[in-house]
PDB file of all heavy atoms in Angstrom:
ATOM      1  N   SER A   1     102.154  79.652  92.766  1.00  0.00           N
ATOM      2  CA  SER A   1     103.011  78.494  92.397  1.00  0.00           C
ATOM      3  C   SER A   1     104.435  78.948  92.075  1.00  0.00           C
ATOM      4  O   SER A   1     104.628  79.895  91.295  1.00  0.00           O
ATOM      5  CB  SER A   1     102.404  77.810  91.154  1.00  0.00           C
ATOM      6  OG  SER A   1     103.346  76.946  90.558  1.00  0.00           O
ATOM      7  N   PRO A   2     105.437  78.299  92.653  1.00  0.00           N
ATOM      8  CA  PRO A   2     106.821  78.644  92.291  1.00  0.00           C
ATOM      9  C   PRO A   2     107.156  78.364  90.806  1.00  0.00           C
ATOM     10  O   PRO A   2     107.990  79.052  90.212  1.00  0.00           O
ATOM     11  CB  PRO A   2     107.644  77.743  93.198  1.00  0.00           C
ATOM     12  CG  PRO A   2     106.753  76.664  93.625  1.00  0.00           C
ATOM     13  CD  PRO A   2     105.367  77.227  93.645  1.00  0.00           C
ATOM     14  N   VAL A   3     106.505  77.373  90.207  1.00  0.00           N
ATOM     15  CA  VAL A   3     106.743  77.072  88.787  1.00  0.00           C
ATOM     16  C   VAL A   3     106.200  78.218  87.934  1.00  0.00           C
ATOM     17  O   VAL A   3     106.843  78.619  86.942  1.00  0.00           O
ATOM     18  CB  VAL A   3     106.071  75.750  88.403  1.00  0.00           C
ATOM     19  CG1 VAL A   3     106.176  75.493  86.903  1.00  0.00           C
ATOM     20  CG2 VAL A   3     106.666  74.598  89.161  1.00  0.00           C
ATOM     21  N   VAL A   4     105.057  78.770  88.311  1.00  0.00           N
ATOM     22  CA  VAL A   4     104.509  79.930  87.610  1.00  0.00           C
ATOM     23  C   VAL A   4     105.493  81.119  87.702  1.00  0.00           C
ATOM     24  O   VAL A   4     105.770  81.827  86.700  1.00  0.00           O
ATOM     25  CB  VAL A   4     103.147  80.355  88.165  1.00  0.00           C
ATOM     26  CG1 VAL A   4     102.712  81.717  87.663  1.00  0.00           C
ATOM     27  CG2 VAL A   4     102.081  79.305  87.829  1.00  0.00           C
ATOM     28  N   ARG A   5     106.070  81.336  88.895  1.00  0.00           N
ATOM     29  CA  ARG A   5     107.008  82.453  89.059  1.00  0.00           C
ATOM     30  C   ARG A   5     108.297  82.198  88.295  1.00  0.00           C
ATOM     31  O   ARG A   5     108.953  83.145  87.814  1.00  0.00           O
ATOM     32  CB  ARG A   5     107.302  82.652  90.547  1.00  0.00           C
ATOM     33  CG  ARG A   5     106.044  83.043  91.324  1.00  0.00           C
ATOM     34  CD  ARG A   5     106.320  83.426  92.763  1.00  0.00           C
ATOM     35  NE  ARG A   5     105.106  83.655  93.514  1.00  0.00           N
ATOM     36  CZ  ARG A   5     104.411  84.779  93.439  1.00  0.00           C
ATOM     37  NH1 ARG A   5     104.843  85.787  92.702  1.00  0.00           N
ATOM     38  NH2 ARG A   5     103.298  84.921  94.172  1.00  0.00           N
ATOM     39  N   LEU A   6     108.668  80.937  88.135  1.00  0.00           N
ATOM     40  CA  LEU A   6     109.842  80.603  87.297  1.00  0.00           C
ATOM     41  C   LEU A   6     109.576  80.982  85.839  1.00  0.00           C
ATOM     42  O   LEU A   6     110.427  81.598  85.176  1.00  0.00           O
ATOM     43  CB  LEU A   6     110.139  79.115  87.428  1.00  0.00           C
ATOM     44  CG  LEU A   6     111.403  78.624  86.731  1.00  0.00           C
ATOM     45  CD1 LEU A   6     112.670  79.149  87.486  1.00  0.00           C
ATOM     46  CD2 LEU A   6     111.437  77.072  86.771  1.00  0.00           C
ATOM     47  N   ASN A   7     108.402  80.612  85.325  1.00  0.00           N
ATOM     48  CA  ASN A   7     108.075  80.955  83.957  1.00  0.00           C
ATOM     49  C   ASN A   7     107.891  82.473  83.810  1.00  0.00           C
ATOM     50  O   ASN A   7     108.215  83.023  82.747  1.00  0.00           O
ATOM     51  CB  ASN A   7     106.782  80.241  83.545  1.00  0.00           C
ATOM     52  CG  ASN A   7     106.948  78.741  83.439  1.00  0.00           C
ATOM     53  OD1 ASN A   7     108.046  78.277  83.143  1.00  0.00           O
ATOM     54  ND2 ASN A   7     105.885  78.007  83.711  1.00  0.00           N
ATOM     55  N   ARG A   8     107.430  83.109  84.838  1.00  0.00           N
ATOM     56  CA  ARG A   8     107.274  84.569  84.784  1.00  0.00           C
ATOM     57  C   ARG A   8     108.640  85.253  84.668  1.00  0.00           C
ATOM     58  O   ARG A   8     108.780  86.242  83.962  1.00  0.00           O
ATOM     59  CB  ARG A   8     106.578  85.093  86.061  1.00  0.00           C
ATOM     60  CG  ARG A   8     106.435  86.602  86.121  1.00  0.00           C
ATOM     61  CD  ARG A   8     105.866  87.076  87.462  1.00  0.00           C
ATOM     62  NE  ARG A   8     105.794  88.511  87.515  1.00  0.00           N
ATOM     63  CZ  ARG A   8     106.781  89.285  87.850  1.00  0.00           C
ATOM     64  NH1 ARG A   8     107.982  88.785  88.183  1.00  0.00           N
ATOM     65  NH2 ARG A   8     106.675  90.626  87.874  1.00  0.00           N
ATOM     66  N   ALA A   9     109.669  84.672  85.309  1.00  0.00           N
ATOM     67  CA  ALA A   9     111.020  85.258  85.189  1.00  0.00           C
ATOM     68  C   ALA A   9     111.489  85.243  83.746  1.00  0.00           C
ATOM     69  O   ALA A   9     112.140  86.199  83.300  1.00  0.00           O
ATOM     70  CB  ALA A   9     112.000  84.493  86.083  1.00  0.00           C
ATOM     71  N   VAL A  10     111.161  84.210  82.998  1.00  0.00           N
ATOM     72  CA  VAL A  10     111.515  84.177  81.577  1.00  0.00           C
ATOM     73  C   VAL A  10     110.808  85.275  80.837  1.00  0.00           C
ATOM     74  O   VAL A  10     111.424  86.017  80.036  1.00  0.00           O
ATOM     75  CB  VAL A  10     111.157  82.820  80.950  1.00  0.00           C
ATOM     76  CG1 VAL A  10     111.451  82.819  79.453  1.00  0.00           C
ATOM     77  CG2 VAL A  10     111.944  81.685  81.621  1.00  0.00           C
ATOM     78  N   ALA A  11     109.499  85.446  81.110  1.00  0.00           N
ATOM     79  CA  ALA A  11     108.721  86.472  80.423  1.00  0.00           C
ATOM     80  C   ALA A  11     109.250  87.853  80.767  1.00  0.00           C
ATOM     81  O   ALA A  11     109.323  88.755  79.901  1.00  0.00           O
ATOM     82  CB  ALA A  11     107.249  86.347  80.823  1.00  0.00           C
ATOM     83  N   VAL A  12     109.591  88.084  82.046  1.00  0.00           N
ATOM     84  CA  VAL A  12     110.176  89.394  82.422  1.00  0.00           C
ATOM     85  C   VAL A  12     111.479  89.632  81.681  1.00  0.00           C
ATOM     86  O   VAL A  12     111.771  90.745  81.217  1.00  0.00           O
ATOM     87  CB  VAL A  12     110.396  89.433  83.958  1.00  0.00           C
ATOM     88  CG1 VAL A  12     111.240  90.663  84.352  1.00  0.00           C
ATOM     89  CG2 VAL A  12     109.076  89.437  84.725  1.00  0.00           C
ATOM     90  N   GLY A  13     112.285  88.570  81.545  1.00  0.00           N
ATOM     91  CA  GLY A  13     113.534  88.695  80.784  1.00  0.00           C
ATOM     92  C   GLY A  13     113.321  89.102  79.360  1.00  0.00           C
ATOM     93  O   GLY A  13     114.141  89.814  78.786  1.00  0.00           O
ATOM     94  N   GLU A  14     112.213  88.660  78.754  1.00  0.00           N
ATOM     95  CA  GLU A  14     111.921  88.998  77.383  1.00  0.00           C
ATOM     96  C   GLU A  14     111.335  90.408  77.299  1.00  0.00           C
ATOM     97  O   GLU A  14     111.653  91.138  76.372  1.00  0.00           O
ATOM     98  CB  GLU A  14     110.936  87.995  76.790  1.00  0.00           C
ATOM     99  CG  GLU A  14     111.411  86.584  76.707  1.00  0.00           C
ATOM    100  CD  GLU A  14     112.524  86.372  75.657  1.00  0.00           C
ATOM    101  OE1 GLU A  14     112.783  87.328  74.908  1.00  0.00           O
ATOM    102  OE2 GLU A  14     113.106  85.270  75.626  1.00  0.00           O
ATOM    103  N   ALA A  15     110.512  90.761  78.283  1.00  0.00           N
ATOM    104  CA  ALA A  15     109.836  92.055  78.219  1.00  0.00           C
ATOM    105  C   ALA A  15     110.754  93.193  78.631  1.00  0.00           C
ATOM    106  O   ALA A  15     110.741  94.260  78.037  1.00  0.00           O
ATOM    107  CB  ALA A  15     108.600  92.053  79.120  1.00  0.00           C
ATOM    108  N   ASP A  16     111.584  92.983  79.691  1.00  0.00           N
ATOM    109  CA  ASP A  16     112.359  94.076  80.285  1.00  0.00           C
ATOM    110  C   ASP A  16     113.864  93.839  80.192  1.00  0.00           C
ATOM    111  O   ASP A  16     114.624  94.651  80.787  1.00  0.00           O
ATOM    112  CB  ASP A  16     111.932  94.271  81.735  1.00  0.00           C
ATOM    113  CG  ASP A  16     110.475  94.602  81.893  1.00  0.00           C
ATOM    114  OD1 ASP A  16     109.938  95.315  81.003  1.00  0.00           O
ATOM    115  OD2 ASP A  16     109.876  94.163  82.888  1.00  0.00           O
ATOM    116  N   GLY A  17     114.294  92.808  79.583  1.00  0.00           N
ATOM    117  CA  GLY A  17     115.717  92.533  79.477  1.00  0.00           C
ATOM    118  C   GLY A  17     116.178  91.407  80.384  1.00  0.00           C
ATOM    119  O   GLY A  17     115.537  91.166  81.436  1.00  0.00           O
ATOM    120  N   PRO A  18     117.280  90.726  80.043  1.00  0.00           N
ATOM    121  CA  PRO A  18     117.701  89.537  80.794  1.00  0.00           C
ATOM    122  C   PRO A  18     118.060  89.888  82.239  1.00  0.00           C
ATOM    123  O   PRO A  18     117.855  89.026  83.098  1.00  0.00           O
ATOM    124  CB  PRO A  18     118.894  89.052  80.012  1.00  0.00           C
ATOM    125  CG  PRO A  18     119.373  90.218  79.163  1.00  0.00           C
ATOM    126  CD  PRO A  18     118.149  91.018  78.850  1.00  0.00           C
ATOM    127  N   ARG A  19     118.613  91.029  82.537  1.00  0.00           N
ATOM    128  CA  ARG A  19     118.956  91.309  83.928  1.00  0.00           C
ATOM    129  C   ARG A  19     117.716  91.453  84.804  1.00  0.00           C
ATOM    130  O   ARG A  19     117.742  91.064  85.995  1.00  0.00           O
ATOM    131  CB  ARG A  19     119.826  92.579  83.992  1.00  0.00           C
ATOM    132  CG  ARG A  19     121.159  92.353  83.310  1.00  0.00           C
ATOM    133  CD  ARG A  19     122.196  93.384  83.616  1.00  0.00           C
ATOM    134  NE  ARG A  19     123.451  93.066  82.961  1.00  0.00           N
ATOM    135  CZ  ARG A  19     124.564  93.760  83.071  1.00  0.00           C
ATOM    136  NH1 ARG A  19     124.595  94.857  83.816  1.00  0.00           N
ATOM    137  NH2 ARG A  19     125.663  93.369  82.431  1.00  0.00           N
ATOM    138  N   ALA A  20     116.641  91.976  84.245  1.00  0.00           N
ATOM    139  CA  ALA A  20     115.384  92.026  84.994  1.00  0.00           C
ATOM    140  C   ALA A  20     114.874  90.616  85.251  1.00  0.00           C
ATOM    141  O   ALA A  20     114.351  90.313  86.334  1.00  0.00           O
ATOM    142  CB  ALA A  20     114.353  92.863  84.225  1.00  0.00           C
ATOM    143  N   GLY A  21     115.017  89.770  84.230  1.00  0.00           N
ATOM    144  CA  GLY A  21     114.628  88.376  84.421  1.00  0.00           C
ATOM    145  C   GLY A  21     115.437  87.672  85.466  1.00  0.00           C
ATOM    146  O   GLY A  21     114.906  86.919  86.301  1.00  0.00           O
ATOM    147  N   LEU A  22     116.756  87.951  85.490  1.00  0.00           N
ATOM    148  CA  LEU A  22     117.638  87.331  86.512  1.00  0.00           C
ATOM    149  C   LEU A  22     117.261  87.839  87.896  1.00  0.00           C
ATOM    150  O   LEU A  22     117.362  87.101  88.899  1.00  0.00           O
ATOM    151  CB  LEU A  22     119.100  87.627  86.172  1.00  0.00           C
ATOM    152  CG  LEU A  22     119.671  86.842  84.977  1.00  0.00           C
ATOM    153  CD1 LEU A  22     120.995  87.452  84.527  1.00  0.00           C
ATOM    154  CD2 LEU A  22     119.832  85.363  85.324  1.00  0.00           C
ATOM    155  N   ALA A  23     116.899  89.082  87.998  1.00  0.00           N
ATOM    156  CA  ALA A  23     116.477  89.629  89.290  1.00  0.00           C
ATOM    157  C   ALA A  23     115.203  88.909  89.789  1.00  0.00           C
ATOM    158  O   ALA A  23     115.100  88.598  90.962  1.00  0.00           O
ATOM    159  CB  ALA A  23     116.229  91.126  89.176  1.00  0.00           C
ATOM    160  N   ALA A  24     114.268  88.669  88.873  1.00  0.00           N
ATOM    161  CA  ALA A  24     113.076  87.951  89.264  1.00  0.00           C
ATOM    162  C   ALA A  24     113.400  86.505  89.645  1.00  0.00           C
ATOM    163  O   ALA A  24     112.837  85.935  90.602  1.00  0.00           O
ATOM    164  CB  ALA A  24     112.046  87.963  88.123  1.00  0.00           C
ATOM    165  N   LEU A  25     114.361  85.944  88.947  1.00  0.00           N
ATOM    166  CA  LEU A  25     114.767  84.558  89.237  1.00  0.00           C
ATOM    167  C   LEU A  25     115.470  84.424  90.593  1.00  0.00           C
ATOM    168  O   LEU A  25     115.324  83.424  91.271  1.00  0.00           O
ATOM    169  CB  LEU A  25     115.702  84.054  88.093  1.00  0.00           C
ATOM    170  CG  LEU A  25     116.094  82.587  88.129  1.00  0.00           C
ATOM    171  CD1 LEU A  25     114.869  81.702  87.909  1.00  0.00           C
ATOM    172  CD2 LEU A  25     117.143  82.321  87.032  1.00  0.00           C
ATOM    173  N   ALA A  26     116.181  85.468  90.976  1.00  0.00           N
ATOM    174  CA  ALA A  26     116.957  85.430  92.206  1.00  0.00           C
ATOM    175  C   ALA A  26     116.064  85.274  93.440  1.00  0.00           C
ATOM    176  O   ALA A  26     116.508  84.805  94.490  1.00  0.00           O
ATOM    177  CB  ALA A  26     117.778  86.714  92.369  1.00  0.00           C
ATOM    178  N   ALA A  27     114.791  85.640  93.325  1.00  0.00           N
ATOM    179  CA  ALA A  27     113.881  85.511  94.430  1.00  0.00           C
ATOM    180  C   ALA A  27     113.327  84.092  94.600  1.00  0.00           C
ATOM    181  O   ALA A  27     112.623  83.816  95.586  1.00  0.00           O
ATOM    182  CB  ALA A  27     112.679  86.458  94.225  1.00  0.00           C
ATOM    183  N   LEU A  28     113.716  83.163  93.714  1.00  0.00           N
ATOM    184  CA  LEU A  28     113.174  81.819  93.732  1.00  0.00           C
ATOM    185  C   LEU A  28     114.198  80.816  94.216  1.00  0.00           C
ATOM    186  O   LEU A  28     115.405  81.030  94.094  1.00  0.00           O
ATOM    187  CB  LEU A  28     112.678  81.448  92.349  1.00  0.00           C
ATOM    188  CG  LEU A  28     111.618  82.321  91.722  1.00  0.00           C
ATOM    189  CD1 LEU A  28     111.288  81.890  90.321  1.00  0.00           C
ATOM    190  CD2 LEU A  28     110.362  82.327  92.582  1.00  0.00           C
ATOM    191  N   ASP A  29     113.737  79.704  94.739  1.00  0.00           N
ATOM    192  CA  ASP A  29     114.584  78.626  95.240  1.00  0.00           C
ATOM    193  C   ASP A  29     115.303  77.974  94.045  1.00  0.00           C
ATOM    194  O   ASP A  29     114.653  77.509  93.083  1.00  0.00           O
ATOM    195  CB  ASP A  29     113.728  77.604  95.971  1.00  0.00           C
ATOM    196  CG  ASP A  29     114.571  76.531  96.655  1.00  0.00           C
ATOM    197  OD1 ASP A  29     115.725  76.373  96.331  1.00  0.00           O
ATOM    198  OD2 ASP A  29     113.997  75.802  97.560  1.00  0.00           O
ATOM    199  N   ASP A  30     116.649  77.913  94.092  1.00  0.00           N
ATOM    200  CA  ASP A  30     117.360  77.358  92.942  1.00  0.00           C
ATOM    201  C   ASP A  30     117.278  75.830  92.869  1.00  0.00           C
ATOM    202  O   ASP A  30     117.826  75.242  91.936  1.00  0.00           O
ATOM    203  CB  ASP A  30     118.849  77.813  92.948  1.00  0.00           C
ATOM    204  CG  ASP A  30     119.579  77.327  94.214  1.00  0.00           C
ATOM    205  OD1 ASP A  30     119.025  76.496  94.966  1.00  0.00           O
ATOM    206  OD2 ASP A  30     120.711  77.747  94.431  1.00  0.00           O
ATOM    207  N   SER A  31     116.557  75.174  93.803  1.00  0.00           N
ATOM    208  CA  SER A  31     116.348  73.747  93.684  1.00  0.00           C
ATOM    209  C   SER A  31     115.099  73.412  92.842  1.00  0.00           C
ATOM    210  O   SER A  31     114.809  72.233  92.625  1.00  0.00           O
ATOM    211  CB  SER A  31     116.203  73.125  95.076  1.00  0.00           C
ATOM    212  OG  SER A  31     115.024  73.581  95.703  1.00  0.00           O
ATOM    213  N   LEU A  32     114.376  74.443  92.406  1.00  0.00           N
ATOM    214  CA  LEU A  32     113.200  74.217  91.566  1.00  0.00           C
ATOM    215  C   LEU A  32     113.589  73.492  90.296  1.00  0.00           C
ATOM    216  O   LEU A  32     114.611  73.798  89.664  1.00  0.00           O
ATOM    217  CB  LEU A  32     112.571  75.526  91.181  1.00  0.00           C
ATOM    218  CG  LEU A  32     111.547  76.163  92.160  1.00  0.00           C
ATOM    219  CD1 LEU A  32     111.200  77.552  91.678  1.00  0.00           C
ATOM    220  CD2 LEU A  32     110.296  75.283  92.267  1.00  0.00           C
ATOM    221  N   PRO A  33     112.796  72.523  89.849  1.00  0.00           N
ATOM    222  CA  PRO A  33     113.056  71.897  88.543  1.00  0.00           C
ATOM    223  C   PRO A  33     113.108  72.949  87.426  1.00  0.00           C
ATOM    224  O   PRO A  33     112.304  73.860  87.401  1.00  0.00           O
ATOM    225  CB  PRO A  33     111.854  70.951  88.362  1.00  0.00           C
ATOM    226  CG  PRO A  33     111.431  70.620  89.738  1.00  0.00           C
ATOM    227  CD  PRO A  33     111.634  71.920  90.551  1.00  0.00           C
ATOM    228  N   ARG A  34     114.101  72.824  86.576  1.00  0.00           N
ATOM    229  CA  ARG A  34     114.329  73.697  85.413  1.00  0.00           C
ATOM    230  C   ARG A  34     114.834  75.104  85.809  1.00  0.00           C
ATOM    231  O   ARG A  34     114.938  75.973  84.943  1.00  0.00           O
ATOM    232  CB  ARG A  34     113.069  73.817  84.552  1.00  0.00           C
ATOM    233  CG  ARG A  34     112.648  72.454  83.939  1.00  0.00           C
ATOM    234  CD  ARG A  34     111.515  72.623  82.947  1.00  0.00           C
ATOM    235  NE  ARG A  34     111.292  71.366  82.262  1.00  0.00           N
ATOM    236  CZ  ARG A  34     110.453  70.409  82.705  1.00  0.00           C
ATOM    237  NH1 ARG A  34     109.766  70.597  83.829  1.00  0.00           N
ATOM    238  NH2 ARG A  34     110.291  69.304  82.007  1.00  0.00           N
ATOM    239  N   HIS A  35     115.135  75.318  87.089  1.00  0.00           N
ATOM    240  CA  HIS A  35     115.673  76.616  87.495  1.00  0.00           C
ATOM    241  C   HIS A  35     116.987  76.866  86.787  1.00  0.00           C
ATOM    242  O   HIS A  35     117.223  77.982  86.292  1.00  0.00           O
ATOM    243  CB  HIS A  35     115.853  76.632  89.028  1.00  0.00           C
ATOM    244  CG  HIS A  35     116.318  77.962  89.582  1.00  0.00           C
ATOM    245  ND1 HIS A  35     117.625  78.419  89.466  1.00  0.00           N
ATOM    246  CD2 HIS A  35     115.653  78.945  90.268  1.00  0.00           C
ATOM    247  CE1 HIS A  35     117.716  79.589  90.035  1.00  0.00           C
ATOM    248  NE2 HIS A  35     116.531  79.931  90.534  1.00  0.00           N
ATOM    249  N   ALA A  36     117.862  75.865  86.748  1.00  0.00           N
ATOM    250  CA  ALA A  36     119.176  76.021  86.123  1.00  0.00           C
ATOM    251  C   ALA A  36     118.991  76.308  84.629  1.00  0.00           C
ATOM    252  O   ALA A  36     119.751  77.087  84.040  1.00  0.00           O
ATOM    253  CB  ALA A  36     120.008  74.796  86.324  1.00  0.00           C
ATOM    254  N   ALA A  37     118.028  75.683  83.976  1.00  0.00           N
ATOM    255  CA  ALA A  37     117.818  75.914  82.521  1.00  0.00           C
ATOM    256  C   ALA A  37     117.383  77.357  82.278  1.00  0.00           C
ATOM    257  O   ALA A  37     117.844  77.996  81.306  1.00  0.00           O
ATOM    258  CB  ALA A  37     116.796  74.928  81.996  1.00  0.00           C
ATOM    259  N   VAL A  38     116.488  77.884  83.120  1.00  0.00           N
ATOM    260  CA  VAL A  38     116.051  79.262  82.964  1.00  0.00           C
ATOM    261  C   VAL A  38     117.221  80.186  83.215  1.00  0.00           C
ATOM    262  O   VAL A  38     117.420  81.195  82.463  1.00  0.00           O
ATOM    263  CB  VAL A  38     114.885  79.550  83.936  1.00  0.00           C
ATOM    264  CG1 VAL A  38     114.554  81.048  83.949  1.00  0.00           C
ATOM    265  CG2 VAL A  38     113.632  78.778  83.549  1.00  0.00           C
ATOM    266  N   ALA A  39     117.995  79.961  84.261  1.00  0.00           N
ATOM    267  CA  ALA A  39     119.161  80.804  84.563  1.00  0.00           C
ATOM    268  C   ALA A  39     120.148  80.776  83.380  1.00  0.00           C
ATOM    269  O   ALA A  39     120.702  81.827  83.020  1.00  0.00           O
ATOM    270  CB  ALA A  39     119.831  80.323  85.826  1.00  0.00           C
ATOM    271  N   ALA A  40     120.345  79.586  82.784  1.00  0.00           N
ATOM    272  CA  ALA A  40     121.246  79.495  81.660  1.00  0.00           C
ATOM    273  C   ALA A  40     120.771  80.357  80.460  1.00  0.00           C
ATOM    274  O   ALA A  40     121.565  81.061  79.849  1.00  0.00           O
ATOM    275  CB  ALA A  40     121.387  78.028  81.210  1.00  0.00           C
ATOM    276  N   TYR A  41     119.483  80.245  80.201  1.00  0.00           N
ATOM    277  CA  TYR A  41     118.928  81.042  79.078  1.00  0.00           C
ATOM    278  C   TYR A  41     119.101  82.517  79.311  1.00  0.00           C
ATOM    279  O   TYR A  41     119.551  83.279  78.399  1.00  0.00           O
ATOM    280  CB  TYR A  41     117.460  80.692  78.882  1.00  0.00           C
ATOM    281  CG  TYR A  41     116.764  81.540  77.868  1.00  0.00           C
ATOM    282  CD1 TYR A  41     116.975  81.333  76.506  1.00  0.00           C
ATOM    283  CD2 TYR A  41     115.886  82.566  78.246  1.00  0.00           C
ATOM    284  CE1 TYR A  41     116.346  82.120  75.546  1.00  0.00           C
ATOM    285  CE2 TYR A  41     115.267  83.346  77.321  1.00  0.00           C
ATOM    286  CZ  TYR A  41     115.470  83.142  75.956  1.00  0.00           C
ATOM    287  OH  TYR A  41     114.857  83.923  75.017  1.00  0.00           O
ATOM    288  N   LEU A  42     118.779  82.987  80.514  1.00  0.00           N
ATOM    289  CA  LEU A  42     118.919  84.431  80.790  1.00  0.00           C
ATOM    290  C   LEU A  42     120.375  84.888  80.821  1.00  0.00           C
ATOM    291  O   LEU A  42     120.693  85.988  80.383  1.00  0.00           O
ATOM    292  CB  LEU A  42     118.223  84.724  82.142  1.00  0.00           C
ATOM    293  CG  LEU A  42     116.695  84.567  82.149  1.00  0.00           C
ATOM    294  CD1 LEU A  42     116.145  84.673  83.582  1.00  0.00           C
ATOM    295  CD2 LEU A  42     116.029  85.598  81.211  1.00  0.00           C
ATOM    296  N   ARG A  43     121.262  84.020  81.329  1.00  0.00           N
ATOM    297  CA  ARG A  43     122.685  84.374  81.303  1.00  0.00           C
ATOM    298  C   ARG A  43     123.211  84.466  79.879  1.00  0.00           C
ATOM    299  O   ARG A  43     124.011  85.371  79.542  1.00  0.00           O
ATOM    300  CB  ARG A  43     123.506  83.324  82.057  1.00  0.00           C
ATOM    301  CG  ARG A  43     123.298  83.315  83.563  1.00  0.00           C
ATOM    302  CD  ARG A  43     123.922  84.553  84.188  1.00  0.00           C
ATOM    303  NE  ARG A  43     123.730  84.517  85.672  1.00  0.00           N
ATOM    304  CZ  ARG A  43     124.133  85.495  86.459  1.00  0.00           C
ATOM    305  NH1 ARG A  43     124.691  86.607  85.955  1.00  0.00           N
ATOM    306  NH2 ARG A  43     123.930  85.431  87.758  1.00  0.00           N
ATOM    307  N   GLU A  44     122.754  83.578  78.988  1.00  0.00           N
ATOM    308  CA  GLU A  44     123.173  83.659  77.617  1.00  0.00           C
ATOM    309  C   GLU A  44     122.665  84.957  76.982  1.00  0.00           C
ATOM    310  O   GLU A  44     123.424  85.628  76.258  1.00  0.00           O
ATOM    311  CB  GLU A  44     122.629  82.449  76.825  1.00  0.00           C
ATOM    312  CG  GLU A  44     123.036  82.511  75.364  1.00  0.00           C
ATOM    313  CD  GLU A  44     122.443  81.360  74.543  1.00  0.00           C
ATOM    314  OE1 GLU A  44     121.769  80.489  75.120  1.00  0.00           O
ATOM    315  OE2 GLU A  44     122.643  81.354  73.331  1.00  0.00           O
TER     316      GLU A  44
END
């Protein structure tokens, strides 16, 4: 599920740092619901 992978990117950002989370997020379609919210959190 792409939604699962989106939530996984948040968890990776917490476990390995925000840049690792952003790298995981980069592999996903940015049209996914809440993609922008996750990107915002990791950028912050």
